[in-house]
Each structure stands twice: as C-alpha cells, then as structure tokens.
Amino acid sequence: MLPLIFLLIGADFPISTAPSYTGYPSVCYANDQYYVFWVDQRQYPNMSIYGARVTKDGTVLDPNGVELYTDSAGYRCSAAFDGTNFLVVTRNHC
C-alpha cells in the first residue's frame, strides 16, 4: 500500500490511504481549492481514476476520494481546468 501524499510547504499529508496502489497524481487549483486526481487500484483488476478536493490549509474534503472512472485506466492521468469545467484524461489499456 502506498498512500498518495500531497506536499505542502512545511508539511506533507496523505490525500488517500486506500489499501491498494495509488499513484500518478495530477493537481489543479480552482475555486479557491486544490483538486487532486490519481490512478487507483481499489477495484483490481480494473484501474480507476479518483479525485479529492483539498483546501488551501491542507484539509482533505474527500478523504476516501471520489471514484470518477473505473475500467482500464492507464498508469497516469492528466487534469486541466478551463475556468468552468475540469477535464481528466487517461489512456485506456487496450
């Protein structure tokens, strides 16, 4: 088990402590908070994309993460914010 750790100047803290592999985070800042997305194997053998909101002071608002996609997510994800919407992408394992 590898916890997903978020680095904050002066302190590190876990975003997800799920009992499975978590990795390849992508972070966006929007609406006065951080949005962290990552690849997660809770649904093994399927790979999932999870996300969590984190306040500027480091409070994790979604401590278990929110499942966004489960099927065969690739080993990385990327996220972007256009001022209104988020786009989180991964490469499907074909």
C-alpha atoms as a PDB file:
ATOM      1  CA  MET A   1       0.000   0.000   0.000  1.00  0.00           C
ATOM      2  CA  LEU A   2       1.389   3.377  -1.000  1.00  0.00           C
ATOM      3  CA  PRO A   3      -0.514   6.400   0.328  1.00  0.00           C
ATOM      4  CA  LEU A   4      -0.950   9.303  -2.040  1.00  0.00           C
ATOM      5  CA  ILE A   5       0.911  12.186  -0.368  1.00  0.00           C
ATOM      6  CA  PHE A   6       0.341  15.863  -1.078  1.00  0.00           C
ATOM      7  CA  LEU A   7       3.284  18.176  -0.474  1.00  0.00           C
ATOM      8  CA  LEU A   8       2.602  21.465   1.231  1.00  0.00           C
ATOM      9  CA  ILE A   9       5.329  23.876   2.197  1.00  0.00           C
ATOM     10  CA  GLY A  10       6.178  22.925   5.761  1.00  0.00           C
ATOM     11  CA  ALA A  11       4.170  19.690   5.931  1.00  0.00           C
ATOM     12  CA  ASP A  12       3.279  16.545   3.997  1.00  0.00           C
ATOM     13  CA  PHE A  13      -0.090  14.830   4.461  1.00  0.00           C
ATOM     14  CA  PRO A  14      -1.973  11.928   2.880  1.00  0.00           C
ATOM     15  CA  ILE A  15      -4.705  12.531   0.330  1.00  0.00           C
ATOM     16  CA  SER A  16      -5.672   8.863   0.064  1.00  0.00           C
ATOM     17  CA  THR A  17      -4.684   5.969   2.294  1.00  0.00           C
ATOM     18  CA  ALA A  18      -6.631   3.377   0.302  1.00  0.00           C
ATOM     19  CA  PRO A  19      -5.370  -0.170   0.846  1.00  0.00           C
ATOM     20  CA  SER A  20      -4.206  -0.501  -2.739  1.00  0.00           C
ATOM     21  CA  TYR A  21      -1.843   1.084  -5.209  1.00  0.00           C
ATOM     22  CA  THR A  22      -2.376   4.817  -5.725  1.00  0.00           C
ATOM     23  CA  GLY A  23      -0.202   6.986  -7.897  1.00  0.00           C
ATOM     24  CA  TYR A  24       0.364   9.307 -10.821  1.00  0.00           C
ATOM     25  CA  PRO A  25      -1.384  12.348  -9.312  1.00  0.00           C
ATOM     26  CA  SER A  26      -2.442  15.399 -11.268  1.00  0.00           C
ATOM     27  CA  VAL A  27      -3.350  18.608  -9.420  1.00  0.00           C
ATOM     28  CA  CYS A  28      -5.405  21.646 -10.467  1.00  0.00           C
ATOM     29  CA  TYR A  29      -6.172  24.786  -8.474  1.00  0.00           C
ATOM     30  CA  ALA A  30      -9.655  26.244  -8.970  1.00  0.00           C
ATOM     31  CA  ASN A  31     -12.442  27.835  -6.965  1.00  0.00           C
ATOM     32  CA  ASP A  32     -10.060  28.587  -4.070  1.00  0.00           C
ATOM     33  CA  GLN A  33      -9.094  24.922  -3.500  1.00  0.00           C
ATOM     34  CA  TYR A  34      -6.966  22.159  -4.964  1.00  0.00           C
ATOM     35  CA  TYR A  35      -8.367  19.248  -6.945  1.00  0.00           C
ATOM     36  CA  VAL A  36      -6.194  16.131  -6.891  1.00  0.00           C
ATOM     37  CA  PHE A  37      -6.786  13.259  -9.323  1.00  0.00           C
ATOM     38  CA  TRP A  38      -4.929   9.929  -9.343  1.00  0.00           C
ATOM     39  CA  VAL A  39      -4.851   6.353 -10.637  1.00  0.00           C
ATOM     40  CA  ASP A  40      -6.102   3.838  -8.075  1.00  0.00           C
ATOM     41  CA  GLN A  41      -6.336   0.020  -7.969  1.00  0.00           C
ATOM     42  CA  ARG A  42      -9.108  -0.401  -5.370  1.00  0.00           C
ATOM     43  CA  GLN A  43     -11.250  -2.117  -7.993  1.00  0.00           C
ATOM     44  CA  TYR A  44      -8.467  -4.526  -9.031  1.00  0.00           C
ATOM     45  CA  PRO A  45      -8.026  -5.843 -11.678  1.00  0.00           C
ATOM     46  CA  ASN A  46      -9.619  -2.664 -13.023  1.00  0.00           C
ATOM     47  CA  MET A  47      -7.743   0.619 -12.740  1.00  0.00           C
ATOM     48  CA  SER A  48      -9.733   3.661 -11.647  1.00  0.00           C
ATOM     49  CA  ILE A  49      -9.420   7.422 -11.602  1.00  0.00           C
ATOM     50  CA  TYR A  50     -10.255   9.012  -8.237  1.00  0.00           C
ATOM     51  CA  GLY A  51     -10.334  12.641  -7.199  1.00  0.00           C
ATOM     52  CA  ALA A  52     -10.383  14.652  -3.987  1.00  0.00           C
ATOM     53  CA  ARG A  53     -10.752  18.291  -3.025  1.00  0.00           C
ATOM     54  CA  VAL A  54      -8.170  19.855  -0.716  1.00  0.00           C
ATOM     55  CA  THR A  55      -8.433  23.294   0.913  1.00  0.00           C
ATOM     56  CA  LYS A  56      -5.535  25.747   0.907  1.00  0.00           C
ATOM     57  CA  ASP A  57      -4.795  24.915   4.552  1.00  0.00           C
ATOM     58  CA  GLY A  58      -4.478  21.189   3.736  1.00  0.00           C
ATOM     59  CA  THR A  59      -7.882  19.878   4.802  1.00  0.00           C
ATOM     60  CA  VAL A  60      -8.818  16.905   2.612  1.00  0.00           C
ATOM     61  CA  LEU A  61     -12.548  17.281   1.909  1.00  0.00           C
ATOM     62  CA  ASP A  62     -12.904  13.850   0.270  1.00  0.00           C
ATOM     63  CA  PRO A  63     -10.652  11.612   2.422  1.00  0.00           C
ATOM     64  CA  ASN A  64     -11.599   8.411   0.586  1.00  0.00           C
ATOM     65  CA  GLY A  65     -11.580  10.104  -2.800  1.00  0.00           C
ATOM     66  CA  VAL A  66     -14.438  10.110  -5.274  1.00  0.00           C
ATOM     67  CA  GLU A  67     -14.458   7.421  -7.941  1.00  0.00           C
ATOM     68  CA  LEU A  68     -14.687   9.116 -11.337  1.00  0.00           C
ATOM     69  CA  TYR A  69     -13.931   6.293 -13.760  1.00  0.00           C
ATOM     70  CA  THR A  70     -13.363   2.546 -13.480  1.00  0.00           C
ATOM     71  CA  ASP A  71     -12.399   0.246 -16.302  1.00  0.00           C
ATOM     72  CA  SER A  72      -8.848   0.047 -17.520  1.00  0.00           C
ATOM     73  CA  ALA A  73      -7.306   3.426 -16.766  1.00  0.00           C
ATOM     74  CA  GLY A  74      -3.725   3.849 -17.811  1.00  0.00           C
ATOM     75  CA  TYR A  75      -0.823   4.365 -15.479  1.00  0.00           C
ATOM     76  CA  ARG A  76      -1.185   8.108 -15.404  1.00  0.00           C
ATOM     77  CA  CYS A  77      -3.830  10.790 -15.607  1.00  0.00           C
ATOM     78  CA  SER A  78      -3.765  14.455 -16.511  1.00  0.00           C
ATOM     79  CA  ALA A  79      -6.199  17.144 -15.434  1.00  0.00           C
ATOM     80  CA  ALA A  80      -6.999  20.630 -16.680  1.00  0.00           C
ATOM     81  CA  PHE A  81      -9.463  23.362 -15.686  1.00  0.00           C
ATOM     82  CA  ASP A  82     -10.826  25.914 -18.169  1.00  0.00           C
ATOM     83  CA  GLY A  83     -12.397  28.262 -15.621  1.00  0.00           C
ATOM     84  CA  THR A  84     -15.669  26.315 -15.562  1.00  0.00           C
ATOM     85  CA  ASN A  85     -15.049  22.628 -16.229  1.00  0.00           C
ATOM     86  CA  PHE A  86     -12.458  20.001 -15.394  1.00  0.00           C
ATOM     87  CA  LEU A  87     -11.127  17.559 -17.928  1.00  0.00           C
ATOM     88  CA  VAL A  88      -9.382  14.467 -16.560  1.00  0.00           C
ATOM     89  CA  VAL A  89      -7.920  12.085 -19.104  1.00  0.00           C
ATOM     90  CA  THR A  90      -6.178   8.734 -19.030  1.00  0.00           C
ATOM     91  CA  ARG A  91      -5.067   6.274 -21.653  1.00  0.00           C
ATOM     92  CA  ASN A  92      -7.201   3.135 -21.766  1.00  0.00           C
ATOM     93  CA  HIS A  93      -5.314  -0.154 -21.721  1.00  0.00           C
ATOM     94  CA  CYS A  94      -6.222  -1.801 -24.996  1.00  0.00           C
END
